[in-house]
């Protein structure tokens, strides 16, 4: 056992013994001339690391210039930095209980930073959203709605006023929708104010997942990972922070089963285009749903975010961490 203790001491991780990953995967498909202004000709889907069980929730950390993302089954947050590669940033992450977690997705899912640069995490196994304080301590921001435990917070995004919007499907529960420990009989989209007030914004989506704001914050986008209705919805954001009547931005149900994966996480660029993970990769579309192009990873693709100089799209695709160089500038970067 001494070799195992030494391996952990020096930061060994299970993927370190995997075969060298391919340098690139998939292809990039141009569906509209406007795509040329978003992704340069000759761009590739570059593989940065591989061997993860299910990579998710990437967030770029400007202070330190590194990427964090979740490996949900391993209950880890992983760090990637140019020139240094990958290392375990936090373990355990999403489940900190003592009994062995009986499900397959105990870890963190979506990750983001608040206005002070603190890491905020959707914790599947603990069924909560938590924040890492500057001294390293952990604060639970929310774990209940009207006294009932949340399902398993999935993805999250901050409004510039400090309100936190998040989705709550039951994917982190051991038996998901049929788990006996489930206390809410719906999947909600919520808003949490800085003073701790939690509001249910909508329960109309069967499996709400990825979530993002438009550049002007007047529209909230929510992905639905339901194989029977694989869609993205847009909700107008009212002045009081609640949501108006939704519209469907795009319906990808026709590709379910033909391409791997479902609608999941997403990113938005400064021009308002959506970069939405979908069956087979990342769809790039205008706010009206016009498809401009596709980053076809060929893998179940969970999430994406802009990082580095704002013109790099990081993608978590099943066992892979990838990036694509873009011309588009992603939020929250500014021109």
Protein backbone atom coordinates (compact mmCIF):
# COMPACT_ATOMS: atom_id res chain seq x y z
CA UNK A 1 0.00 0.00 0.00
CA UNK A 2 3.01 2.30 0.43
CA UNK A 3 3.16 2.94 -3.32
CA UNK A 4 -0.46 4.11 -3.28
CA UNK A 5 0.22 6.52 -0.38
CA UNK A 6 3.23 7.91 -2.21
CA UNK A 7 1.26 8.26 -5.45
CA UNK A 8 -1.44 10.25 -3.71
CA UNK A 9 1.18 12.38 -2.01
CA UNK A 10 2.72 13.48 -5.30
CA UNK A 11 -0.64 14.13 -6.94
CA UNK A 12 -1.10 10.96 -8.99
CA UNK A 13 -4.51 10.68 -10.59
CA UNK A 14 -6.23 7.66 -12.22
CA UNK A 15 -6.02 9.17 -15.70
CA UNK A 16 -2.23 9.56 -15.44
CA UNK A 17 -1.73 5.93 -16.48
CA UNK A 18 -4.04 6.15 -19.49
CA UNK A 19 -2.67 5.98 -23.00
CA UNK A 20 -1.73 9.27 -24.60
CA UNK A 21 -4.92 10.94 -25.83
CA UNK A 22 -5.44 11.80 -29.50
CA UNK A 23 -4.30 15.29 -30.43
CA UNK A 24 -7.67 16.16 -31.96
CA UNK A 25 -11.13 14.65 -32.22
CA UNK A 26 -14.17 15.19 -34.43
CA UNK A 27 -14.62 17.97 -36.93
CA UNK A 28 -16.08 21.45 -37.28
CA UNK A 29 -19.03 21.93 -39.61
CA UNK A 30 -19.90 25.31 -41.14
CA UNK A 31 -23.64 25.65 -41.76
CA UNK A 32 -23.88 29.39 -42.47
CA UNK A 33 -21.41 31.99 -43.80
CA UNK A 34 -21.76 33.91 -40.52
CA UNK A 35 -19.89 31.08 -38.80
CA UNK A 36 -16.68 32.21 -40.50
CA UNK A 37 -16.63 35.28 -38.23
CA UNK A 38 -16.92 33.07 -35.15
CA UNK A 39 -14.47 30.20 -35.76
CA UNK A 40 -11.36 30.56 -37.95
CA UNK A 41 -10.81 28.35 -40.96
CA UNK A 42 -8.70 25.37 -40.08
CA UNK A 43 -9.68 25.35 -36.40
CA UNK A 44 -9.49 21.96 -34.72
CA UNK A 45 -10.98 20.34 -31.62
CA UNK A 46 -7.79 20.00 -29.62
CA UNK A 47 -7.65 17.38 -26.85
CA UNK A 48 -5.94 18.74 -23.74
CA UNK A 49 -6.45 15.71 -21.47
CA UNK A 50 -8.40 12.47 -21.34
CA UNK A 51 -9.26 9.51 -19.14
CA UNK A 52 -12.02 11.16 -17.10
CA UNK A 53 -15.20 9.27 -16.25
CA UNK A 54 -17.58 12.14 -17.01
CA UNK A 55 -16.17 15.65 -17.35
CA UNK A 56 -18.51 18.58 -16.69
CA UNK A 57 -18.97 22.14 -15.47
CA UNK A 58 -15.84 23.98 -16.72
CA UNK A 59 -15.05 27.45 -15.42
CA UNK A 60 -12.09 29.68 -16.28
CA UNK A 61 -10.31 31.26 -13.31
CA UNK A 62 -8.67 34.52 -14.48
CA UNK A 63 -6.78 34.99 -11.22
CA UNK A 64 -4.23 32.25 -11.81
CA UNK A 65 -5.08 31.57 -15.46
CA UNK A 66 -6.38 28.03 -15.12
CA UNK A 67 -9.48 25.97 -15.80
CA UNK A 68 -11.48 24.01 -13.26
CA UNK A 69 -13.96 21.31 -14.18
CA UNK A 70 -15.82 18.45 -12.53
CA UNK A 71 -15.26 14.73 -12.91
CA UNK A 72 -18.61 13.80 -11.42
CA UNK A 73 -18.28 10.03 -10.87
CA UNK A 74 -14.88 10.46 -9.20
CA UNK A 75 -16.22 13.20 -6.89
CA UNK A 76 -13.40 15.49 -7.98
CA UNK A 77 -12.80 19.00 -9.24
CA UNK A 78 -9.88 18.89 -11.64
CA UNK A 79 -7.52 21.74 -12.50
CA UNK A 80 -5.91 22.27 -15.91
CA UNK A 81 -3.22 24.87 -16.52
CA UNK A 82 -1.23 25.50 -19.68
CA UNK A 83 2.25 24.04 -19.35
CA UNK A 84 1.36 22.14 -16.18
CA UNK A 85 -1.42 19.80 -17.30
CA UNK A 86 -3.98 18.40 -14.88
CA UNK A 87 -4.15 17.86 -11.14
CA UNK A 88 -6.81 17.24 -8.53
CA UNK A 89 -8.06 20.57 -7.17
CA UNK A 90 -10.65 19.24 -4.71
CA UNK A 91 -11.70 15.81 -3.50
CA UNK A 92 -14.26 15.10 -2.22
CA UNK A 93 -16.20 17.77 -4.03
CA UNK A 94 -19.94 17.23 -4.50
CA UNK A 95 -20.48 14.55 -1.87
CA UNK A 96 -18.92 14.88 1.54
CA UNK A 97 -21.00 12.36 3.50
CA UNK A 98 -19.48 9.41 5.33
CA UNK A 99 -21.64 6.55 3.97
CA UNK A 100 -20.50 5.37 0.56
CA UNK A 101 -22.52 7.09 -2.16
CA UNK A 102 -24.60 4.46 -3.94
CA UNK A 103 -25.17 6.36 -7.18
CA UNK A 104 -22.93 7.08 -10.16
CA UNK A 105 -22.81 10.91 -9.97
CA UNK A 106 -21.79 12.07 -6.48
CA UNK A 107 -19.50 14.95 -7.45
CA UNK A 108 -19.91 18.58 -8.37
CA UNK A 109 -21.51 19.47 -11.68
CA UNK A 110 -21.71 23.12 -12.75
CA UNK A 111 -19.07 25.52 -11.44
CA UNK A 112 -18.91 29.31 -11.57
CA UNK A 113 -17.28 32.30 -9.90
CA UNK A 114 -19.07 35.02 -7.97
CA UNK A 115 -18.26 38.74 -8.16
CA UNK A 116 -15.43 38.28 -5.66
CA UNK A 117 -13.89 35.44 -7.64
CA UNK A 118 -14.98 32.75 -5.18
CA UNK A 119 -15.77 29.30 -6.55
CA UNK A 120 -19.46 28.35 -6.38
CA UNK A 121 -20.38 24.70 -6.96
CA UNK A 122 -23.44 22.61 -7.75
CA UNK A 123 -22.95 19.64 -5.42
CA UNK A 124 -24.84 16.57 -6.59
CA UNK A 125 -24.36 14.20 -3.68
CA UNK A 126 -24.88 16.84 -0.99
CA UNK A 127 -27.88 18.25 -2.90
CA UNK A 128 -26.72 21.80 -2.37
CA UNK A 129 -24.98 24.81 -3.85
CA UNK A 130 -21.82 25.69 -1.94
CA UNK A 131 -19.20 28.42 -2.04
CA UNK A 132 -15.50 28.15 -1.33
CA UNK A 133 -14.47 31.08 0.85
CA UNK A 134 -11.14 32.85 0.53
CA UNK A 135 -9.85 31.07 3.63
CA UNK A 136 -10.77 27.68 2.12
CA UNK A 137 -13.84 27.08 4.27
CA UNK A 138 -17.11 26.01 2.65
CA UNK A 139 -20.45 27.83 2.92
CA UNK A 140 -23.75 26.20 1.97
CA UNK A 141 -25.68 28.82 0.00
CA UNK A 142 -28.86 26.80 -0.49
CA UNK A 143 -30.01 23.20 -0.04
CA UNK A 144 -33.76 23.44 0.52
CA UNK A 145 -36.90 24.90 -0.99
CA UNK A 146 -39.76 25.45 1.48
CA UNK A 147 -38.08 23.06 3.88
CA UNK A 148 -37.68 20.25 1.33
CA UNK A 149 -34.27 19.16 0.09
CA UNK A 150 -33.36 20.11 -3.45
CA UNK A 151 -33.03 17.32 -6.01
CA UNK A 152 -29.40 17.85 -7.11
CA UNK A 153 -28.43 21.31 -8.39
CA UNK A 154 -27.00 20.96 -11.88
CA UNK A 155 -25.88 24.24 -13.44
CA UNK A 156 -25.78 27.88 -12.40
CA UNK A 157 -25.15 31.42 -13.59
CA UNK A 158 -24.83 34.79 -11.85
CA UNK A 159 -26.69 37.94 -12.81
CA UNK A 160 -24.60 41.09 -12.51
CA UNK A 161 -26.71 42.19 -9.52
CA UNK A 162 -25.52 39.14 -7.56
CA UNK A 163 -28.61 36.97 -8.02
CA UNK A 164 -27.79 33.32 -8.68
CA UNK A 165 -29.96 31.38 -11.14
CA UNK A 166 -29.76 27.59 -11.16
CA UNK A 167 -31.41 24.38 -12.37
CA UNK A 168 -32.36 21.40 -10.21
CA UNK A 169 -32.99 18.07 -11.97
CA UNK A 170 -32.44 14.83 -9.99
CA UNK A 171 -29.48 13.42 -11.95
CA UNK A 172 -27.30 13.36 -8.85
CA UNK A 173 -29.66 11.13 -6.87
CA UNK A 174 -28.76 7.43 -6.91
CA UNK A 175 -32.05 6.47 -8.61
CA UNK A 176 -32.60 9.90 -10.18
CA UNK A 177 -36.32 10.53 -10.82
CA UNK A 178 -37.37 7.43 -8.89
CA UNK A 179 -35.12 7.91 -5.88
CA UNK A 180 -37.00 7.34 -2.60
CA UNK A 181 -35.05 10.20 -0.97
CA UNK A 182 -36.41 12.70 -3.45
CA UNK A 183 -38.51 15.35 -1.66
CA UNK A 184 -39.61 17.62 -4.54
CA UNK A 185 -41.85 16.16 -7.23
CA UNK A 186 -40.75 18.65 -9.90
CA UNK A 187 -37.57 19.97 -11.52
CA UNK A 188 -37.22 23.68 -10.94
CA UNK A 189 -35.33 26.70 -12.17
CA UNK A 190 -34.58 28.99 -9.22
CA UNK A 191 -33.21 32.40 -8.27
CA UNK A 192 -31.21 32.93 -5.09
CA UNK A 193 -30.62 36.51 -3.98
CA UNK A 194 -27.49 37.61 -2.11
CA UNK A 195 -29.52 37.84 1.12
CA UNK A 196 -30.58 34.19 0.79
CA UNK A 197 -34.12 34.51 -0.59
CA UNK A 198 -34.94 31.56 -2.88
CA UNK A 199 -37.62 31.89 -5.57
CA UNK A 200 -38.94 29.13 -7.81
CA UNK A 201 -39.03 30.74 -11.25
CA UNK A 202 -40.50 27.91 -13.31
CA UNK A 203 -41.25 24.21 -13.08
CA UNK A 204 -42.38 23.88 -16.69
CA UNK A 205 -39.22 22.18 -17.92
CA UNK A 206 -39.11 18.42 -17.45
CA UNK A 207 -35.32 18.18 -17.16
CA UNK A 208 -33.76 21.66 -16.87
CA UNK A 209 -30.01 21.52 -17.28
CA UNK A 210 -27.61 24.14 -18.70
CA UNK A 211 -28.35 27.80 -18.01
CA UNK A 212 -26.98 31.11 -19.32
CA UNK A 213 -27.83 34.80 -19.75
CA UNK A 214 -27.83 36.86 -22.90
CA UNK A 215 -25.23 39.67 -22.93
CA UNK A 216 -27.80 42.26 -21.82
CA UNK A 217 -29.20 39.87 -19.17
CA UNK A 218 -32.72 40.40 -20.49
CA UNK A 219 -33.01 36.74 -21.57
CA UNK A 220 -32.33 33.56 -19.63
CA UNK A 221 -31.59 30.43 -21.66
CA UNK A 222 -32.24 26.97 -20.23
CA UNK A 223 -31.42 23.65 -21.86
CA UNK A 224 -33.68 20.64 -21.39
CA UNK A 225 -32.01 17.22 -21.40
CA UNK A 226 -35.20 15.27 -22.04
CA UNK A 227 -34.79 12.73 -24.87
CA UNK A 228 -38.48 13.21 -25.71
CA UNK A 229 -38.11 16.99 -25.94
CA UNK A 230 -34.43 17.91 -26.38
CA UNK A 231 -34.87 21.67 -26.52
CA UNK A 232 -33.56 25.05 -25.42
CA UNK A 233 -35.93 27.68 -24.07
CA UNK A 234 -35.53 31.44 -23.74
CA UNK A 235 -37.25 33.30 -20.90
CA UNK A 236 -37.54 37.10 -20.74
CA UNK A 237 -36.15 38.35 -17.43
CA UNK A 238 -38.45 40.85 -15.75
CA UNK A 239 -37.25 43.84 -13.75
CA UNK A 240 -37.94 42.01 -10.48
CA UNK A 241 -35.78 39.06 -11.60
CA UNK A 242 -38.63 36.68 -12.30
CA UNK A 243 -39.31 35.16 -15.73
CA UNK A 244 -41.88 35.80 -18.42
CA UNK A 245 -43.43 33.37 -20.88
CA UNK A 246 -40.90 31.13 -22.57
CA UNK A 247 -40.24 30.39 -26.22
CA UNK A 248 -38.40 27.46 -27.79
CA UNK A 249 -35.09 28.52 -29.31
CA UNK A 250 -34.20 25.20 -30.92
CA UNK A 251 -35.41 21.60 -30.91
CA UNK A 252 -32.78 18.87 -31.36
CA UNK A 253 -35.05 15.92 -30.58
CA UNK A 254 -34.60 14.57 -34.13
CA UNK A 255 -30.93 13.84 -33.33
CA UNK A 256 -31.51 11.98 -30.07
CA UNK A 257 -30.27 8.43 -30.48
CA UNK A 258 -28.56 9.28 -33.76
CA UNK A 259 -25.85 11.41 -32.17
CA UNK A 260 -24.48 10.81 -28.65
CA UNK A 261 -25.72 12.99 -25.83
CA UNK A 262 -28.46 15.51 -25.06
CA UNK A 263 -28.78 19.28 -24.54
CA UNK A 264 -26.64 20.18 -21.54
CA UNK A 265 -24.41 23.15 -20.63
CA UNK A 266 -23.85 26.23 -22.76
CA UNK A 267 -21.89 29.43 -23.20
CA UNK A 268 -22.78 32.76 -24.81
CA UNK A 269 -20.54 35.12 -26.77
CA UNK A 270 -20.58 38.91 -26.66
CA UNK A 271 -22.71 39.06 -29.83
CA UNK A 272 -25.39 36.92 -28.17
CA UNK A 273 -24.75 33.65 -30.01
CA UNK A 274 -25.35 30.44 -28.07
CA UNK A 275 -22.67 27.74 -27.92
CA UNK A 276 -24.83 24.89 -26.68
CA UNK A 277 -23.79 21.33 -26.02
CA UNK A 278 -26.13 19.00 -27.85
CA UNK A 279 -26.32 15.52 -29.37
CA UNK A 280 -22.93 15.00 -31.00
CA UNK A 281 -21.10 18.13 -29.83
CA UNK A 282 -21.67 21.88 -29.60
CA UNK A 283 -24.28 23.73 -31.68
CA UNK A 284 -23.57 27.37 -32.43
CA UNK A 285 -26.78 29.30 -33.00
CA UNK A 286 -28.18 32.79 -33.01
CA UNK A 287 -30.69 33.80 -30.33
CA UNK A 288 -33.50 33.14 -32.82
CA UNK A 289 -32.34 29.53 -33.23
CA UNK A 290 -30.65 29.92 -36.61
CA UNK A 291 -27.88 27.30 -36.74
CA UNK A 292 -24.53 28.73 -37.80
CA UNK A 293 -22.20 25.80 -37.22
CA UNK A 294 -21.42 22.69 -35.25
CA UNK A 295 -18.38 21.60 -33.26
CA UNK A 296 -18.83 17.86 -33.73
CA UNK A 297 -16.88 16.07 -31.01
CA UNK A 298 -18.58 12.76 -31.73
CA UNK A 299 -18.86 12.29 -27.97
CA UNK A 300 -21.50 12.88 -25.32
CA UNK A 301 -20.68 16.52 -24.72
CA UNK A 302 -21.56 17.96 -21.34
CA UNK A 303 -20.56 21.59 -21.18
CA UNK A 304 -18.40 24.44 -22.47
CA UNK A 305 -17.05 27.81 -21.39
CA UNK A 306 -14.86 30.58 -22.79
CA UNK A 307 -11.46 31.13 -21.23
CA UNK A 308 -7.84 32.24 -21.67
CA UNK A 309 -8.08 35.46 -23.69
CA UNK A 310 -11.83 35.01 -24.15
CA UNK A 311 -11.39 33.54 -27.62
CA UNK A 312 -10.89 29.96 -26.52
CA UNK A 313 -13.83 27.60 -26.03
CA UNK A 314 -13.12 24.84 -23.52
CA UNK A 315 -15.31 21.75 -23.94
CA UNK A 316 -15.92 18.83 -21.58
CA UNK A 317 -16.86 15.83 -23.73
CA UNK A 318 -17.24 12.57 -21.85
CA UNK A 319 -13.67 11.39 -21.10
CA UNK A 320 -12.07 14.40 -22.81
CA UNK A 321 -11.17 17.98 -22.02
CA UNK A 322 -10.90 19.90 -25.31
CA UNK A 323 -10.52 23.41 -26.64
CA UNK A 324 -11.27 25.25 -29.86
CA UNK A 325 -9.76 28.59 -30.80
CA UNK A 326 -12.43 31.09 -31.81
CA UNK A 327 -12.79 34.53 -33.31
CA UNK A 328 -15.85 35.06 -31.13
CA UNK A 329 -15.30 36.68 -27.75
CA UNK A 330 -17.13 34.87 -24.97
CA UNK A 331 -18.87 36.22 -21.93
CA UNK A 332 -17.88 37.47 -19.39
CA UNK A 333 -14.96 38.84 -21.42
CA UNK A 334 -15.51 42.31 -22.89
CA UNK A 335 -14.18 44.04 -25.99
